[in-house]
């Protein structure tokens, strides 16, 4: 009897270390491909370092990594006036929405069944908020969102160990210049 095909899932990747455990957690159920869209990462040299590392890791594990253009100006316009917001506040919600929206749009255009994000691996991120936004955006695009809290069941600890074993560059802040100040 032929094995049924797994549904295709496009996984938004914020960086290589954060995608290690989520990929492993998803591969039994889905055919996983990766998508790098992070206009929030500042400065551009940091963006390039994270993209290069994500590309290197994807090649190492044999997964496809798609990338979108670096749209820092769009991110700055969208978050204008919110530089003093605390980590996890309105600025972060706009950032999540931008990245999930772009991922969903790409997923629909390329016939994926689902999309998801690695953002919930971070102990600094509100998985409930991210998953709620993902579900809302999925409805807008008539797509399915695979909500998860990847930090649960030692997911963050596992990702840290996996990224250490793979020799991955691990940054010490989320990505935007405002999180760099607070190392969030």
N, C-alpha and C. Protein backbone atom coordinates (compact mmCIF):
# COMPACT_ATOMS: atom_id res chain seq x y z
N UNK A 1 0.83 -1.18 0.00
CA UNK A 1 0.00 0.00 0.00
C UNK A 1 0.88 1.25 0.00
N UNK A 2 0.63 2.20 -0.91
CA UNK A 2 1.47 3.40 -0.96
C UNK A 2 1.26 4.27 0.28
N UNK A 3 2.36 4.87 0.72
CA UNK A 3 2.31 5.77 1.86
C UNK A 3 1.71 7.10 1.39
N UNK A 4 0.68 7.60 2.09
CA UNK A 4 0.09 8.87 1.67
C UNK A 4 1.09 10.02 1.84
N UNK A 5 0.98 10.97 0.95
CA UNK A 5 1.86 12.13 1.03
C UNK A 5 1.53 12.96 2.26
N UNK A 6 2.58 13.52 2.85
CA UNK A 6 2.39 14.42 3.98
C UNK A 6 1.99 15.79 3.44
N UNK A 7 1.20 16.54 4.20
CA UNK A 7 0.89 17.91 3.77
C UNK A 7 2.16 18.77 3.79
N UNK A 8 2.22 19.72 2.88
CA UNK A 8 3.37 20.64 2.81
C UNK A 8 3.17 21.77 3.80
N UNK A 9 4.23 22.08 4.55
CA UNK A 9 4.19 23.16 5.52
C UNK A 9 5.36 24.10 5.27
N UNK A 10 5.06 25.38 5.20
CA UNK A 10 6.08 26.41 5.06
C UNK A 10 6.36 26.97 6.45
N UNK A 11 7.58 26.80 6.92
CA UNK A 11 7.97 27.23 8.25
C UNK A 11 8.74 28.54 8.18
N UNK A 12 8.15 29.58 8.76
CA UNK A 12 8.85 30.86 8.86
C UNK A 12 10.01 30.68 9.83
N UNK A 13 11.21 31.07 9.38
CA UNK A 13 12.43 30.92 10.17
C UNK A 13 12.96 32.29 10.53
N UNK A 14 13.12 32.53 11.82
CA UNK A 14 13.70 33.81 12.25
C UNK A 14 15.22 33.74 12.27
N UNK A 15 15.76 32.54 12.53
CA UNK A 15 17.21 32.33 12.53
C UNK A 15 17.46 30.82 12.58
N UNK A 16 18.69 30.43 12.28
CA UNK A 16 19.02 29.00 12.25
C UNK A 16 18.86 28.31 13.62
N UNK A 17 19.37 28.87 14.72
CA UNK A 17 19.22 28.18 16.00
C UNK A 17 17.75 27.93 16.38
N UNK A 18 16.90 28.88 16.09
CA UNK A 18 15.49 28.75 16.46
C UNK A 18 14.72 27.75 15.60
N UNK A 19 15.27 27.37 14.45
CA UNK A 19 14.54 26.43 13.59
C UNK A 19 14.90 24.97 13.86
N UNK A 20 15.96 24.72 14.60
CA UNK A 20 16.45 23.35 14.78
C UNK A 20 15.38 22.42 15.35
N UNK A 21 14.92 22.71 16.53
CA UNK A 21 13.93 21.84 17.17
C UNK A 21 12.57 21.87 16.45
N UNK A 22 12.04 23.04 16.07
CA UNK A 22 10.75 23.03 15.36
C UNK A 22 10.75 22.14 14.10
N UNK A 23 11.82 22.15 13.34
CA UNK A 23 11.89 21.29 12.15
C UNK A 23 11.72 19.84 12.57
N UNK A 24 12.48 19.43 13.57
CA UNK A 24 12.41 18.06 14.07
C UNK A 24 11.01 17.71 14.55
N UNK A 25 10.39 18.65 15.26
CA UNK A 25 9.05 18.41 15.81
C UNK A 25 7.99 18.29 14.71
N UNK A 26 8.21 18.93 13.58
CA UNK A 26 7.21 18.97 12.51
C UNK A 26 7.37 17.89 11.44
N UNK A 27 8.56 17.35 11.29
CA UNK A 27 8.84 16.49 10.14
C UNK A 27 8.08 15.16 10.13
N UNK A 28 7.64 14.66 11.26
CA UNK A 28 6.86 13.42 11.23
C UNK A 28 5.50 13.63 10.56
N UNK A 29 4.94 14.81 10.76
CA UNK A 29 3.59 15.10 10.27
C UNK A 29 3.56 15.84 8.94
N UNK A 30 4.63 16.60 8.63
CA UNK A 30 4.62 17.48 7.47
C UNK A 30 5.86 17.33 6.60
N UNK A 31 5.70 17.71 5.34
CA UNK A 31 6.82 17.92 4.43
C UNK A 31 7.20 19.38 4.65
N UNK A 32 8.33 19.64 5.30
CA UNK A 32 8.69 20.99 5.75
C UNK A 32 9.64 21.66 4.76
N UNK A 33 9.32 22.91 4.44
CA UNK A 33 10.21 23.78 3.70
C UNK A 33 10.28 25.08 4.49
N UNK A 34 11.35 25.82 4.31
CA UNK A 34 11.64 26.97 5.16
C UNK A 34 11.50 28.29 4.40
N UNK A 35 11.17 29.35 5.16
CA UNK A 35 10.99 30.68 4.58
C UNK A 35 11.63 31.71 5.50
N UNK A 36 12.56 32.49 4.97
CA UNK A 36 13.27 33.50 5.74
C UNK A 36 12.78 34.88 5.33
N UNK A 37 12.04 35.53 6.22
CA UNK A 37 11.58 36.90 6.01
C UNK A 37 11.63 37.59 7.36
N UNK A 38 12.57 38.51 7.52
CA UNK A 38 12.79 39.16 8.81
C UNK A 38 13.24 40.60 8.62
N UNK A 39 12.32 41.49 8.23
CA UNK A 39 12.70 42.87 7.97
C UNK A 39 13.07 43.64 9.23
N UNK A 40 12.81 43.05 10.38
CA UNK A 40 13.10 43.68 11.67
C UNK A 40 14.57 43.62 12.06
N UNK A 41 15.32 42.70 11.48
CA UNK A 41 16.69 42.48 11.93
C UNK A 41 17.57 43.66 11.55
N UNK A 42 18.27 44.15 12.55
CA UNK A 42 19.11 45.34 12.40
C UNK A 42 20.40 45.13 13.19
N UNK A 43 21.52 45.55 12.69
CA UNK A 43 21.76 46.18 11.40
C UNK A 43 21.76 45.16 10.25
N UNK A 44 21.94 45.64 9.04
CA UNK A 44 21.88 44.77 7.87
C UNK A 44 22.95 43.68 7.92
N UNK A 45 24.10 43.97 8.51
CA UNK A 45 25.15 42.95 8.63
C UNK A 45 24.66 41.78 9.48
N UNK A 46 23.88 42.08 10.52
CA UNK A 46 23.31 41.03 11.36
C UNK A 46 22.28 40.22 10.57
N UNK A 47 21.48 40.93 9.78
CA UNK A 47 20.50 40.26 8.91
C UNK A 47 21.22 39.26 7.99
N UNK A 48 22.29 39.72 7.36
CA UNK A 48 23.04 38.87 6.43
C UNK A 48 23.66 37.68 7.16
N UNK A 49 24.17 37.91 8.36
CA UNK A 49 24.77 36.81 9.13
C UNK A 49 23.72 35.75 9.46
N UNK A 50 22.52 36.18 9.85
CA UNK A 50 21.46 35.22 10.19
C UNK A 50 20.94 34.50 8.94
N UNK A 51 20.81 35.23 7.85
CA UNK A 51 20.39 34.59 6.60
C UNK A 51 21.43 33.57 6.13
N UNK A 52 22.70 33.95 6.15
CA UNK A 52 23.76 33.02 5.73
C UNK A 52 23.74 31.76 6.58
N UNK A 53 23.56 31.91 7.88
CA UNK A 53 23.55 30.75 8.77
C UNK A 53 22.32 29.88 8.52
N UNK A 54 21.17 30.51 8.26
CA UNK A 54 19.95 29.74 7.94
C UNK A 54 20.14 28.98 6.63
N UNK A 55 20.76 29.61 5.64
CA UNK A 55 21.01 28.93 4.37
C UNK A 55 21.98 27.76 4.56
N UNK A 56 23.01 27.98 5.35
CA UNK A 56 24.01 26.93 5.61
C UNK A 56 23.35 25.74 6.32
N UNK A 57 22.52 26.03 7.33
CA UNK A 57 21.88 24.95 8.08
C UNK A 57 20.87 24.19 7.21
N UNK A 58 20.08 24.92 6.43
CA UNK A 58 19.11 24.28 5.55
C UNK A 58 19.81 23.34 4.57
N UNK A 59 20.93 23.79 4.00
CA UNK A 59 21.69 22.94 3.07
C UNK A 59 22.23 21.71 3.80
N UNK A 60 22.71 21.92 5.02
CA UNK A 60 23.28 20.81 5.80
C UNK A 60 22.26 19.72 6.08
N UNK A 61 21.00 20.12 6.35
CA UNK A 61 19.96 19.12 6.68
C UNK A 61 19.10 18.76 5.48
N UNK A 62 19.39 19.35 4.33
CA UNK A 62 18.71 18.98 3.09
C UNK A 62 17.31 19.53 2.93
N UNK A 63 17.06 20.73 3.45
CA UNK A 63 15.75 21.36 3.28
C UNK A 63 15.85 22.58 2.39
N UNK A 64 14.76 22.85 1.70
CA UNK A 64 14.67 24.04 0.86
C UNK A 64 14.43 25.26 1.75
N UNK A 65 15.18 26.33 1.48
CA UNK A 65 14.98 27.61 2.18
C UNK A 65 14.70 28.68 1.14
N UNK A 66 13.50 29.24 1.21
CA UNK A 66 13.14 30.38 0.37
C UNK A 66 13.45 31.64 1.17
N UNK A 67 13.74 32.71 0.46
CA UNK A 67 13.99 33.96 1.16
C UNK A 67 13.28 35.10 0.44
N UNK A 68 12.86 36.05 1.24
CA UNK A 68 12.23 37.24 0.70
C UNK A 68 13.23 38.39 0.82
N UNK A 69 12.97 39.46 0.14
CA UNK A 69 13.86 40.62 0.18
C UNK A 69 13.92 41.21 1.59
N UNK A 70 15.02 41.86 1.89
CA UNK A 70 15.21 42.56 3.16
C UNK A 70 14.46 43.89 3.05
N UNK A 71 13.39 44.02 3.81
CA UNK A 71 12.51 45.19 3.72
C UNK A 71 12.52 45.99 5.02
N UNK A 72 13.71 46.38 5.43
CA UNK A 72 13.86 47.12 6.69
C UNK A 72 13.05 48.43 6.68
N UNK A 73 13.03 49.12 5.54
CA UNK A 73 12.28 50.38 5.47
C UNK A 73 10.80 50.17 5.75
N UNK A 74 10.24 49.09 5.22
CA UNK A 74 8.82 48.79 5.46
C UNK A 74 8.58 48.50 6.94
N UNK A 75 9.51 47.80 7.57
CA UNK A 75 9.39 47.50 9.00
C UNK A 75 9.45 48.80 9.82
N UNK A 76 10.39 49.67 9.49
CA UNK A 76 10.50 50.94 10.22
C UNK A 76 9.25 51.79 10.06
N UNK A 77 8.68 51.81 8.86
CA UNK A 77 7.43 52.57 8.64
C UNK A 77 6.30 51.96 9.47
N UNK A 78 6.19 50.64 9.46
CA UNK A 78 5.10 49.96 10.17
C UNK A 78 5.20 50.14 11.69
N UNK A 79 6.41 50.26 12.20
CA UNK A 79 6.59 50.36 13.66
C UNK A 79 6.93 51.78 14.11
N UNK A 80 6.82 52.73 13.21
CA UNK A 80 7.13 54.12 13.51
C UNK A 80 6.35 54.60 14.74
N UNK A 81 7.06 55.26 15.64
CA UNK A 81 6.44 55.79 16.85
C UNK A 81 6.34 54.79 17.99
N UNK A 82 6.77 53.56 17.75
CA UNK A 82 6.65 52.52 18.78
C UNK A 82 8.00 52.09 19.35
N UNK A 83 9.03 52.91 19.13
CA UNK A 83 10.37 52.53 19.58
C UNK A 83 10.48 52.41 21.10
N UNK A 84 9.61 53.09 21.84
CA UNK A 84 9.67 53.02 23.31
C UNK A 84 8.76 51.94 23.90
N UNK A 85 8.09 51.21 23.04
CA UNK A 85 7.23 50.11 23.51
C UNK A 85 8.08 49.05 24.20
N UNK A 86 7.55 48.43 25.23
CA UNK A 86 8.30 47.34 25.86
C UNK A 86 8.34 46.12 24.95
N UNK A 87 9.33 45.27 25.16
CA UNK A 87 9.41 44.02 24.42
C UNK A 87 8.12 43.25 24.64
N UNK A 88 7.54 42.74 23.55
CA UNK A 88 6.28 42.00 23.62
C UNK A 88 5.06 42.88 23.44
N UNK A 89 5.25 44.19 23.28
CA UNK A 89 4.14 45.13 23.14
C UNK A 89 3.65 45.26 21.70
N UNK A 90 3.07 46.43 21.41
CA UNK A 90 2.47 46.67 20.09
C UNK A 90 3.47 46.55 18.94
N UNK A 91 4.69 47.01 19.15
CA UNK A 91 5.70 46.93 18.08
C UNK A 91 5.94 45.47 17.70
N UNK A 92 6.05 44.61 18.69
CA UNK A 92 6.29 43.18 18.41
C UNK A 92 5.09 42.56 17.69
N UNK A 93 3.88 42.97 18.09
CA UNK A 93 2.70 42.42 17.41
C UNK A 93 2.68 42.81 15.94
N UNK A 94 3.04 44.04 15.63
CA UNK A 94 3.12 44.48 14.24
C UNK A 94 4.18 43.66 13.49
N UNK A 95 5.29 43.44 14.15
CA UNK A 95 6.39 42.66 13.55
C UNK A 95 5.95 41.22 13.28
N UNK A 96 5.30 40.59 14.25
CA UNK A 96 4.80 39.22 14.04
C UNK A 96 3.83 39.19 12.86
N UNK A 97 2.93 40.17 12.84
CA UNK A 97 1.91 40.23 11.79
C UNK A 97 2.56 40.36 10.41
N UNK A 98 3.58 41.21 10.31
CA UNK A 98 4.28 41.39 9.02
C UNK A 98 4.90 40.08 8.55
N UNK A 99 5.60 39.42 9.46
CA UNK A 99 6.33 38.20 9.08
C UNK A 99 5.38 37.04 8.79
N UNK A 100 4.35 36.90 9.60
CA UNK A 100 3.36 35.83 9.35
C UNK A 100 2.58 36.10 8.08
N UNK A 101 2.23 37.36 7.85
CA UNK A 101 1.49 37.72 6.64
C UNK A 101 2.27 37.42 5.37
N UNK A 102 3.54 37.78 5.37
CA UNK A 102 4.39 37.53 4.19
C UNK A 102 4.56 36.02 3.99
N UNK A 103 4.69 35.28 5.08
CA UNK A 103 4.84 33.83 4.99
C UNK A 103 3.57 33.19 4.42
N UNK A 104 2.43 33.62 4.90
CA UNK A 104 1.15 33.09 4.41
C UNK A 104 0.97 33.40 2.92
N UNK A 105 1.29 34.61 2.54
CA UNK A 105 1.15 35.02 1.13
C UNK A 105 2.04 34.13 0.24
N UNK A 106 3.26 33.89 0.68
CA UNK A 106 4.17 33.03 -0.08
C UNK A 106 3.64 31.59 -0.11
N UNK A 107 3.12 31.13 1.02
CA UNK A 107 2.59 29.76 1.11
C UNK A 107 1.45 29.54 0.13
N UNK A 108 0.53 30.49 0.06
CA UNK A 108 -0.60 30.38 -0.85
C UNK A 108 -0.12 30.39 -2.30
N UNK A 109 0.80 31.29 -2.61
CA UNK A 109 1.30 31.42 -3.99
C UNK A 109 2.07 30.18 -4.44
N UNK A 110 2.54 29.38 -3.48
CA UNK A 110 3.36 28.22 -3.82
C UNK A 110 2.75 26.89 -3.37
N UNK A 111 1.43 26.89 -3.21
CA UNK A 111 0.64 25.67 -2.97
C UNK A 111 1.01 24.87 -1.72
N UNK A 112 1.32 25.58 -0.66
CA UNK A 112 1.53 24.90 0.62
C UNK A 112 0.17 24.67 1.27
N UNK A 113 0.09 23.64 2.09
CA UNK A 113 -1.15 23.33 2.81
C UNK A 113 -1.23 24.08 4.14
N UNK A 114 -0.07 24.30 4.76
CA UNK A 114 0.03 24.92 6.08
C UNK A 114 1.19 25.91 6.09
N UNK A 115 1.16 26.77 7.11
CA UNK A 115 2.36 27.54 7.45
C UNK A 115 2.46 27.58 8.96
N UNK A 116 3.65 27.86 9.44
CA UNK A 116 3.93 27.92 10.87
C UNK A 116 5.13 28.86 11.06
N UNK A 117 5.51 29.09 12.31
CA UNK A 117 6.65 29.95 12.59
C UNK A 117 7.49 29.39 13.73
N UNK A 118 8.77 29.70 13.67
CA UNK A 118 9.69 29.31 14.74
C UNK A 118 9.66 30.29 15.90
N UNK A 119 8.96 31.40 15.76
CA UNK A 119 8.98 32.45 16.77
C UNK A 119 8.60 31.96 18.17
N UNK A 120 7.77 30.93 18.26
CA UNK A 120 7.31 30.49 19.57
C UNK A 120 8.34 29.65 20.33
N UNK A 121 9.52 29.42 19.77
CA UNK A 121 10.58 28.71 20.47
C UNK A 121 11.20 29.60 21.55
N UNK A 122 11.11 30.90 21.37
CA UNK A 122 11.76 31.84 22.28
C UNK A 122 10.99 31.98 23.59
N UNK A 123 11.71 31.92 24.71
CA UNK A 123 11.05 32.16 26.00
C UNK A 123 10.60 33.62 26.15
N UNK A 124 11.05 34.50 25.27
CA UNK A 124 10.68 35.91 25.32
C UNK A 124 9.46 36.24 24.48
N UNK A 125 8.92 35.25 23.76
CA UNK A 125 7.79 35.49 22.85
C UNK A 125 6.51 34.88 23.40
N UNK A 126 5.42 35.60 23.17
CA UNK A 126 4.09 35.18 23.61
C UNK A 126 3.47 34.26 22.56
N UNK A 127 3.59 32.96 22.79
CA UNK A 127 3.10 31.97 21.82
C UNK A 127 1.61 32.10 21.58
N UNK A 128 0.86 32.42 22.61
CA UNK A 128 -0.59 32.56 22.47
C UNK A 128 -0.92 33.69 21.47
N UNK A 129 -0.24 34.81 21.61
CA UNK A 129 -0.44 35.95 20.71
C UNK A 129 -0.02 35.60 19.29
N UNK A 130 1.13 34.97 19.15
CA UNK A 130 1.64 34.59 17.83
C UNK A 130 0.70 33.60 17.15
N UNK A 131 0.25 32.60 17.89
CA UNK A 131 -0.65 31.60 17.32
C UNK A 131 -2.01 32.19 16.96
N UNK A 132 -2.48 33.13 17.76
CA UNK A 132 -3.75 33.80 17.46
C UNK A 132 -3.62 34.61 16.15
N UNK A 133 -2.53 35.34 16.02
CA UNK A 133 -2.29 36.10 14.78
C UNK A 133 -2.15 35.15 13.58
N UNK A 134 -1.43 34.05 13.77
CA UNK A 134 -1.26 33.08 12.70
C UNK A 134 -2.59 32.52 12.22
N UNK A 135 -3.47 32.18 13.17
CA UNK A 135 -4.79 31.64 12.81
C UNK A 135 -5.63 32.68 12.07
N UNK A 136 -5.56 33.94 12.53
CA UNK A 136 -6.31 35.02 11.89
C UNK A 136 -5.81 35.23 10.45
N UNK A 137 -4.50 35.25 10.28
CA UNK A 137 -3.91 35.45 8.95
C UNK A 137 -4.22 34.26 8.05
N UNK A 138 -4.19 33.06 8.60
CA UNK A 138 -4.54 31.86 7.83
C UNK A 138 -5.95 31.98 7.28
N UNK A 139 -6.88 32.45 8.10
CA UNK A 139 -8.27 32.64 7.64
C UNK A 139 -8.34 33.64 6.49
N UNK A 140 -7.55 34.71 6.58
CA UNK A 140 -7.54 35.72 5.53
C UNK A 140 -7.08 35.14 4.19
N UNK A 141 -6.16 34.19 4.25
CA UNK A 141 -5.60 33.60 3.04
C UNK A 141 -6.21 32.24 2.70
N UNK A 142 -7.21 31.83 3.47
CA UNK A 142 -7.84 30.52 3.28
C UNK A 142 -6.78 29.42 3.26
N UNK A 143 -5.98 29.43 4.30
CA UNK A 143 -4.85 28.54 4.47
C UNK A 143 -4.93 27.98 5.88
N UNK A 144 -4.14 26.98 6.20
CA UNK A 144 -4.12 26.42 7.56
C UNK A 144 -2.84 26.87 8.26
N UNK A 145 -2.98 27.24 9.52
CA UNK A 145 -1.84 27.61 10.35
C UNK A 145 -1.62 26.51 11.37
N UNK A 146 -0.40 26.05 11.48
CA UNK A 146 -0.08 25.05 12.50
C UNK A 146 0.44 25.80 13.72
N UNK A 147 -0.44 26.00 14.68
CA UNK A 147 -0.07 26.68 15.91
C UNK A 147 0.70 25.75 16.82
N UNK A 148 1.73 26.26 17.43
CA UNK A 148 2.53 25.46 18.35
C UNK A 148 3.21 26.40 19.35
N UNK A 149 3.57 25.86 20.47
CA UNK A 149 4.43 26.56 21.41
C UNK A 149 5.68 25.71 21.53
N UNK A 150 6.62 25.96 20.64
CA UNK A 150 7.80 25.10 20.52
C UNK A 150 8.71 25.12 21.75
N UNK A 151 8.57 26.13 22.62
CA UNK A 151 9.42 26.16 23.81
C UNK A 151 8.96 25.15 24.86
N UNK A 152 7.72 24.67 24.75
CA UNK A 152 7.19 23.68 25.70
C UNK A 152 7.95 22.36 25.59
N UNK A 153 7.85 21.55 26.61
CA UNK A 153 8.50 20.23 26.66
C UNK A 153 10.00 20.36 26.37
N UNK A 154 10.61 21.37 26.99
CA UNK A 154 12.05 21.63 26.85
C UNK A 154 12.48 21.96 25.42
N UNK A 155 11.54 22.44 24.60
CA UNK A 155 11.86 22.77 23.21
C UNK A 155 12.97 23.79 23.08
N UNK A 156 12.94 24.84 23.91
CA UNK A 156 13.99 25.86 23.83
C UNK A 156 15.34 25.25 24.21
N UNK A 157 15.34 24.45 25.27
CA UNK A 157 16.58 23.80 25.72
C UNK A 157 17.10 22.86 24.62
N UNK A 158 16.19 22.13 23.98
CA UNK A 158 16.58 21.22 22.91
C UNK A 158 17.15 21.99 21.72
N UNK A 159 16.53 23.14 21.38
CA UNK A 159 17.03 23.93 20.25
C UNK A 159 18.41 24.49 20.56
N UNK A 160 18.63 24.91 21.81
CA UNK A 160 19.95 25.43 22.19
C UNK A 160 21.01 24.33 22.05
N UNK A 161 20.67 23.13 22.50
CA UNK A 161 21.61 22.00 22.41
C UNK A 161 21.86 21.62 20.95
N UNK A 162 20.79 21.54 20.16
CA UNK A 162 20.93 21.18 18.75
C UNK A 162 21.76 22.21 17.99
N UNK A 163 21.55 23.50 18.28
CA UNK A 163 22.30 24.53 17.57
C UNK A 163 23.76 24.53 18.00
N UNK A 164 24.02 24.20 19.27
CA UNK A 164 25.40 24.09 19.75
C UNK A 164 26.10 22.93 19.04
N UNK A 165 25.42 21.78 18.96
CA UNK A 165 25.99 20.61 18.30
C UNK A 165 26.25 20.86 16.81
N UNK A 166 25.39 21.68 16.19
CA UNK A 166 25.56 21.99 14.76
C UNK A 166 26.55 23.14 14.54
N UNK A 167 27.04 23.75 15.63
CA UNK A 167 27.99 24.85 15.52
C UNK A 167 27.39 26.11 14.93
N UNK A 168 26.11 26.37 15.24
CA UNK A 168 25.42 27.52 14.65
C UNK A 168 25.72 28.81 15.40
N UNK A 169 25.80 29.89 14.64
CA UNK A 169 25.92 31.23 15.21
C UNK A 169 24.63 31.53 15.95
N UNK A 170 24.75 31.92 17.22
CA UNK A 170 23.58 32.23 18.03
C UNK A 170 23.68 33.67 18.52
N UNK A 171 22.77 34.50 18.06
CA UNK A 171 22.75 35.90 18.42
C UNK A 171 22.21 36.08 19.84
N UNK A 172 22.42 37.28 20.40
CA UNK A 172 21.96 37.50 21.78
C UNK A 172 20.82 38.51 21.89
N UNK A 173 20.11 38.74 20.78
CA UNK A 173 18.92 39.61 20.82
C UNK A 173 17.98 39.19 19.70
N UNK A 174 16.72 39.55 19.85
CA UNK A 174 15.67 39.12 18.93
C UNK A 174 15.98 39.53 17.49
N UNK A 175 16.32 40.77 17.29
CA UNK A 175 16.62 41.19 15.93
C UNK A 175 16.55 42.69 15.71
N UNK A 176 15.53 43.35 16.24
CA UNK A 176 15.42 44.78 15.97
C UNK A 176 16.34 45.58 16.89
N UNK A 177 16.64 46.79 16.48
CA UNK A 177 17.56 47.61 17.26
C UNK A 177 17.02 47.90 18.65
N UNK A 178 15.71 47.87 18.82
CA UNK A 178 15.12 48.14 20.12
C UNK A 178 15.27 46.95 21.06
N UNK A 179 15.20 45.75 20.52
CA UNK A 179 15.40 44.55 21.35
C UNK A 179 16.89 44.41 21.71
N UNK A 180 17.76 44.94 20.85
CA UNK A 180 19.20 44.86 21.12
C UNK A 180 19.53 45.64 22.38
N UNK A 181 18.87 46.78 22.56
CA UNK A 181 19.10 47.59 23.76
C UNK A 181 18.81 46.80 25.02
N UNK A 182 17.68 46.08 24.99
CA UNK A 182 17.26 45.32 26.17
C UNK A 182 17.68 43.86 26.11
N UNK A 183 18.35 43.45 25.02
CA UNK A 183 18.77 42.05 24.80
C UNK A 183 17.58 41.10 24.92
N UNK A 184 16.40 41.50 24.31
CA UNK A 184 15.20 40.68 24.36
C UNK A 184 15.06 39.74 23.23
